[in-house]
Amino acid sequence: MAKTLTGIVTSDKRDKTIAVTVTSRETHPIYGKQYTVTRKYTSHDENNEAKEGDRVTIVETRPVSKTKAFALQSIDEKSRGSVEIKDEEVEA
């Protein structure tokens, strides 16, 4: 069974490639405390569909390149856009 992961697209600058950040909670084997683990995966996006900020599902495939062993399966949620704050110039 192929491994599927869900994460947020952090970069879509490369052609047919997206960087996906997957966050998970793990429990320490001895101390029992939970902590957050963040991992980045490069994934193959054949049609350049995913944009930065989208929540996507990626699936494990045969290696496409040296760093890519995952492919985009679906875009679960589109990003709502980024908020840009413009600095107002103060005239003295």
N, C-alpha and C. Protein backbone atom coordinates (compact mmCIF):
# COMPACT_ATOMS: atom_id res chain seq x y z
N MET A 1 0.85 -1.19 0.00
CA MET A 1 0.00 0.00 0.00
C MET A 1 0.89 1.24 0.00
N ALA A 2 0.58 2.16 -0.89
CA ALA A 2 1.38 3.38 -1.01
C ALA A 2 1.07 4.34 0.13
N LYS A 3 2.10 5.01 0.62
CA LYS A 3 1.95 5.94 1.71
C LYS A 3 1.34 7.26 1.20
N THR A 4 0.32 7.75 1.89
CA THR A 4 -0.26 9.04 1.54
C THR A 4 -0.08 10.00 2.69
N LEU A 5 0.24 11.26 2.37
CA LEU A 5 0.47 12.29 3.37
C LEU A 5 -0.32 13.54 3.00
N THR A 6 -0.73 14.30 4.01
CA THR A 6 -1.43 15.56 3.79
C THR A 6 -0.63 16.68 4.39
N GLY A 7 -0.44 17.77 3.62
CA GLY A 7 0.34 18.89 4.11
C GLY A 7 0.04 20.16 3.35
N ILE A 8 0.83 21.19 3.65
CA ILE A 8 0.68 22.51 3.06
C ILE A 8 1.81 22.75 2.06
N VAL A 9 1.48 23.29 0.89
CA VAL A 9 2.49 23.62 -0.11
C VAL A 9 3.25 24.86 0.36
N THR A 10 4.56 24.73 0.53
CA THR A 10 5.37 25.86 0.99
C THR A 10 6.13 26.52 -0.15
N SER A 11 6.28 25.82 -1.28
CA SER A 11 6.97 26.41 -2.42
C SER A 11 6.47 25.77 -3.71
N ASP A 12 6.20 26.62 -4.72
CA ASP A 12 5.81 26.11 -6.04
C ASP A 12 6.65 26.78 -7.13
N LYS A 13 7.84 27.23 -6.77
CA LYS A 13 8.68 27.99 -7.69
C LYS A 13 9.30 27.12 -8.79
N ARG A 14 9.58 25.86 -8.49
CA ARG A 14 10.22 24.98 -9.48
C ARG A 14 9.17 24.41 -10.44
N ASP A 15 9.60 24.10 -11.66
CA ASP A 15 8.70 23.57 -12.67
C ASP A 15 8.35 22.13 -12.35
N LYS A 16 7.04 21.84 -12.29
CA LYS A 16 6.50 20.50 -12.03
C LYS A 16 6.93 19.93 -10.68
N THR A 17 7.31 20.79 -9.75
CA THR A 17 7.74 20.36 -8.42
C THR A 17 7.15 21.27 -7.37
N ILE A 18 6.64 20.68 -6.29
CA ILE A 18 6.18 21.47 -5.15
C ILE A 18 6.86 20.95 -3.89
N ALA A 19 7.08 21.84 -2.93
CA ALA A 19 7.60 21.46 -1.62
C ALA A 19 6.42 21.44 -0.66
N VAL A 20 6.19 20.30 -0.02
CA VAL A 20 5.05 20.13 0.88
C VAL A 20 5.57 19.93 2.30
N THR A 21 5.03 20.73 3.24
CA THR A 21 5.39 20.59 4.65
C THR A 21 4.30 19.81 5.35
N VAL A 22 4.69 18.67 5.94
CA VAL A 22 3.76 17.79 6.65
C VAL A 22 4.06 17.89 8.14
N THR A 23 3.04 18.24 8.92
CA THR A 23 3.20 18.37 10.37
C THR A 23 2.47 17.23 11.05
N SER A 24 3.15 16.58 12.00
CA SER A 24 2.52 15.49 12.75
C SER A 24 2.90 15.59 14.22
N ARG A 25 2.08 14.95 15.07
CA ARG A 25 2.35 14.92 16.51
C ARG A 25 2.83 13.52 16.86
N GLU A 26 3.96 13.45 17.55
CA GLU A 26 4.51 12.17 17.97
C GLU A 26 4.69 12.16 19.47
N THR A 27 4.72 10.96 20.03
CA THR A 27 4.90 10.79 21.46
C THR A 27 6.30 10.24 21.73
N HIS A 28 7.01 10.84 22.69
CA HIS A 28 8.35 10.38 23.03
C HIS A 28 8.27 8.98 23.64
N PRO A 29 9.14 8.06 23.18
CA PRO A 29 9.02 6.68 23.63
C PRO A 29 9.26 6.47 25.13
N ILE A 30 10.10 7.29 25.75
CA ILE A 30 10.41 7.11 27.16
C ILE A 30 9.58 8.05 28.04
N TYR A 31 9.55 9.34 27.69
CA TYR A 31 8.92 10.33 28.56
C TYR A 31 7.43 10.49 28.33
N GLY A 32 6.91 10.01 27.20
CA GLY A 32 5.48 10.07 26.95
C GLY A 32 4.96 11.44 26.57
N LYS A 33 5.84 12.41 26.42
CA LYS A 33 5.40 13.76 26.06
C LYS A 33 5.19 13.85 24.55
N GLN A 34 4.12 14.55 24.16
CA GLN A 34 3.87 14.75 22.73
C GLN A 34 4.61 15.98 22.24
N TYR A 35 5.08 15.91 21.00
CA TYR A 35 5.76 17.04 20.38
C TYR A 35 5.43 17.07 18.90
N THR A 36 5.62 18.24 18.28
CA THR A 36 5.30 18.44 16.88
C THR A 36 6.54 18.18 16.03
N VAL A 37 6.34 17.41 14.97
CA VAL A 37 7.42 17.12 14.02
C VAL A 37 7.01 17.66 12.66
N THR A 38 7.88 18.46 12.05
CA THR A 38 7.61 19.03 10.73
C THR A 38 8.61 18.45 9.74
N ARG A 39 8.09 17.89 8.65
CA ARG A 39 8.96 17.32 7.61
C ARG A 39 8.58 17.93 6.26
N LYS A 40 9.60 18.14 5.42
CA LYS A 40 9.36 18.69 4.09
C LYS A 40 9.62 17.61 3.04
N TYR A 41 8.70 17.49 2.10
CA TYR A 41 8.83 16.53 1.01
C TYR A 41 8.72 17.29 -0.31
N THR A 42 9.54 16.91 -1.29
CA THR A 42 9.37 17.44 -2.63
C THR A 42 8.48 16.46 -3.39
N SER A 43 7.53 17.01 -4.12
CA SER A 43 6.52 16.19 -4.77
C SER A 43 6.37 16.60 -6.23
N HIS A 44 6.06 15.63 -7.07
CA HIS A 44 5.89 15.88 -8.50
C HIS A 44 4.49 16.40 -8.78
N ASP A 45 4.41 17.56 -9.44
CA ASP A 45 3.13 18.19 -9.80
C ASP A 45 3.14 18.38 -11.32
N GLU A 46 2.64 17.39 -12.04
CA GLU A 46 2.76 17.34 -13.50
C GLU A 46 2.21 18.57 -14.20
N ASN A 47 1.04 19.08 -13.78
CA ASN A 47 0.40 20.19 -14.48
C ASN A 47 0.55 21.53 -13.78
N ASN A 48 1.44 21.61 -12.79
CA ASN A 48 1.65 22.85 -12.02
C ASN A 48 0.33 23.40 -11.47
N GLU A 49 -0.48 22.52 -10.90
CA GLU A 49 -1.80 22.92 -10.41
C GLU A 49 -1.74 23.55 -9.02
N ALA A 50 -0.94 23.00 -8.14
CA ALA A 50 -0.91 23.44 -6.74
C ALA A 50 -0.15 24.75 -6.61
N LYS A 51 -0.68 25.62 -5.77
CA LYS A 51 -0.04 26.91 -5.49
C LYS A 51 0.34 26.98 -4.02
N GLU A 52 1.18 27.94 -3.69
CA GLU A 52 1.65 28.08 -2.32
C GLU A 52 0.49 28.33 -1.36
N GLY A 53 0.46 27.59 -0.27
CA GLY A 53 -0.59 27.74 0.73
C GLY A 53 -1.71 26.74 0.60
N ASP A 54 -1.77 25.98 -0.49
CA ASP A 54 -2.82 24.97 -0.67
C ASP A 54 -2.58 23.77 0.25
N ARG A 55 -3.67 23.16 0.71
CA ARG A 55 -3.58 21.91 1.45
C ARG A 55 -3.74 20.78 0.43
N VAL A 56 -2.73 19.90 0.36
CA VAL A 56 -2.71 18.87 -0.66
C VAL A 56 -2.48 17.49 -0.05
N THR A 57 -2.83 16.46 -0.83
CA THR A 57 -2.52 15.07 -0.47
C THR A 57 -1.52 14.57 -1.49
N ILE A 58 -0.41 14.00 -0.99
CA ILE A 58 0.61 13.45 -1.87
C ILE A 58 0.70 11.95 -1.61
N VAL A 59 1.08 11.21 -2.65
CA VAL A 59 1.15 9.75 -2.57
C VAL A 59 2.54 9.30 -2.99
N GLU A 60 3.04 8.25 -2.32
CA GLU A 60 4.36 7.73 -2.61
C GLU A 60 4.38 7.02 -3.96
N THR A 61 5.41 7.30 -4.77
CA THR A 61 5.56 6.67 -6.08
C THR A 61 7.01 6.22 -6.25
N ARG A 62 7.30 5.67 -7.40
CA ARG A 62 8.70 5.36 -7.70
C ARG A 62 9.45 6.68 -7.82
N PRO A 63 10.75 6.71 -7.57
CA PRO A 63 11.48 7.98 -7.63
C PRO A 63 11.40 8.63 -9.01
N VAL A 64 11.03 9.92 -9.02
CA VAL A 64 10.94 10.68 -10.25
C VAL A 64 12.28 11.35 -10.53
N SER A 65 12.96 11.76 -9.43
CA SER A 65 14.29 12.35 -9.54
C SER A 65 15.05 12.02 -8.27
N LYS A 66 16.17 12.68 -8.06
CA LYS A 66 17.00 12.41 -6.88
C LYS A 66 16.24 12.67 -5.58
N THR A 67 15.42 13.72 -5.53
CA THR A 67 14.74 14.09 -4.29
C THR A 67 13.24 13.82 -4.32
N LYS A 68 12.66 13.54 -5.48
CA LYS A 68 11.21 13.38 -5.57
C LYS A 68 10.80 11.91 -5.61
N ALA A 69 10.08 11.48 -4.56
CA ALA A 69 9.53 10.13 -4.53
C ALA A 69 8.05 10.18 -4.19
N PHE A 70 7.45 11.37 -4.29
CA PHE A 70 6.02 11.55 -4.05
C PHE A 70 5.41 12.28 -5.25
N ALA A 71 4.12 12.06 -5.46
CA ALA A 71 3.41 12.75 -6.53
C ALA A 71 2.13 13.35 -5.96
N LEU A 72 1.70 14.46 -6.54
CA LEU A 72 0.47 15.12 -6.11
C LEU A 72 -0.72 14.23 -6.44
N GLN A 73 -1.55 13.95 -5.43
CA GLN A 73 -2.75 13.14 -5.66
C GLN A 73 -3.97 14.05 -5.81
N SER A 74 -4.15 14.99 -4.88
CA SER A 74 -5.30 15.88 -4.95
C SER A 74 -5.02 17.17 -4.19
N ILE A 75 -5.75 18.22 -4.58
CA ILE A 75 -5.71 19.48 -3.86
C ILE A 75 -6.96 19.51 -2.99
N ASP A 76 -6.79 19.42 -1.67
CA ASP A 76 -7.91 19.33 -0.75
C ASP A 76 -8.56 20.69 -0.49
N GLU A 77 -7.72 21.73 -0.37
CA GLU A 77 -8.25 23.05 -0.04
C GLU A 77 -7.33 24.11 -0.65
N LYS A 78 -7.93 25.01 -1.43
CA LYS A 78 -7.16 26.09 -2.03
C LYS A 78 -6.82 27.14 -0.98
N SER A 79 -5.69 27.82 -1.15
CA SER A 79 -5.33 28.86 -0.20
C SER A 79 -6.26 30.05 -0.39
N ARG A 80 -6.48 30.77 0.67
CA ARG A 80 -7.40 31.90 0.62
C ARG A 80 -6.69 33.19 0.25
N GLY A 81 -5.43 33.10 -0.14
CA GLY A 81 -4.68 34.29 -0.52
C GLY A 81 -3.88 34.82 0.65
N SER A 82 -2.84 35.54 0.34
CA SER A 82 -2.00 36.09 1.39
C SER A 82 -2.37 37.54 1.66
N VAL A 83 -2.11 37.96 2.86
CA VAL A 83 -2.40 39.33 3.25
C VAL A 83 -1.10 40.12 3.19
N GLU A 84 -1.11 41.17 2.39
CA GLU A 84 0.07 42.02 2.28
C GLU A 84 -0.19 43.33 2.99
N ILE A 85 0.75 43.73 3.84
CA ILE A 85 0.62 44.98 4.57
C ILE A 85 1.54 45.99 3.92
N LYS A 86 0.94 47.08 3.46
CA LYS A 86 1.74 48.12 2.80
C LYS A 86 2.15 49.15 3.84
N ASP A 87 3.43 49.54 3.77
CA ASP A 87 3.92 50.58 4.67
C ASP A 87 3.55 51.95 4.11
N GLU A 88 2.91 52.75 4.93
CA GLU A 88 2.57 54.10 4.50
C GLU A 88 3.74 55.02 4.74
N GLU A 89 4.06 55.79 3.73
CA GLU A 89 5.18 56.72 3.86
C GLU A 89 4.72 57.96 4.60
N VAL A 90 5.50 58.35 5.60
CA VAL A 90 5.17 59.54 6.39
C VAL A 90 5.99 60.69 5.86
N GLU A 91 5.28 61.75 5.45
CA GLU A 91 5.97 62.94 4.94
C GLU A 91 6.13 63.94 6.09
N ALA A 92 7.37 64.41 6.28
CA ALA A 92 7.63 65.34 7.38
C ALA A 92 7.75 66.76 6.90
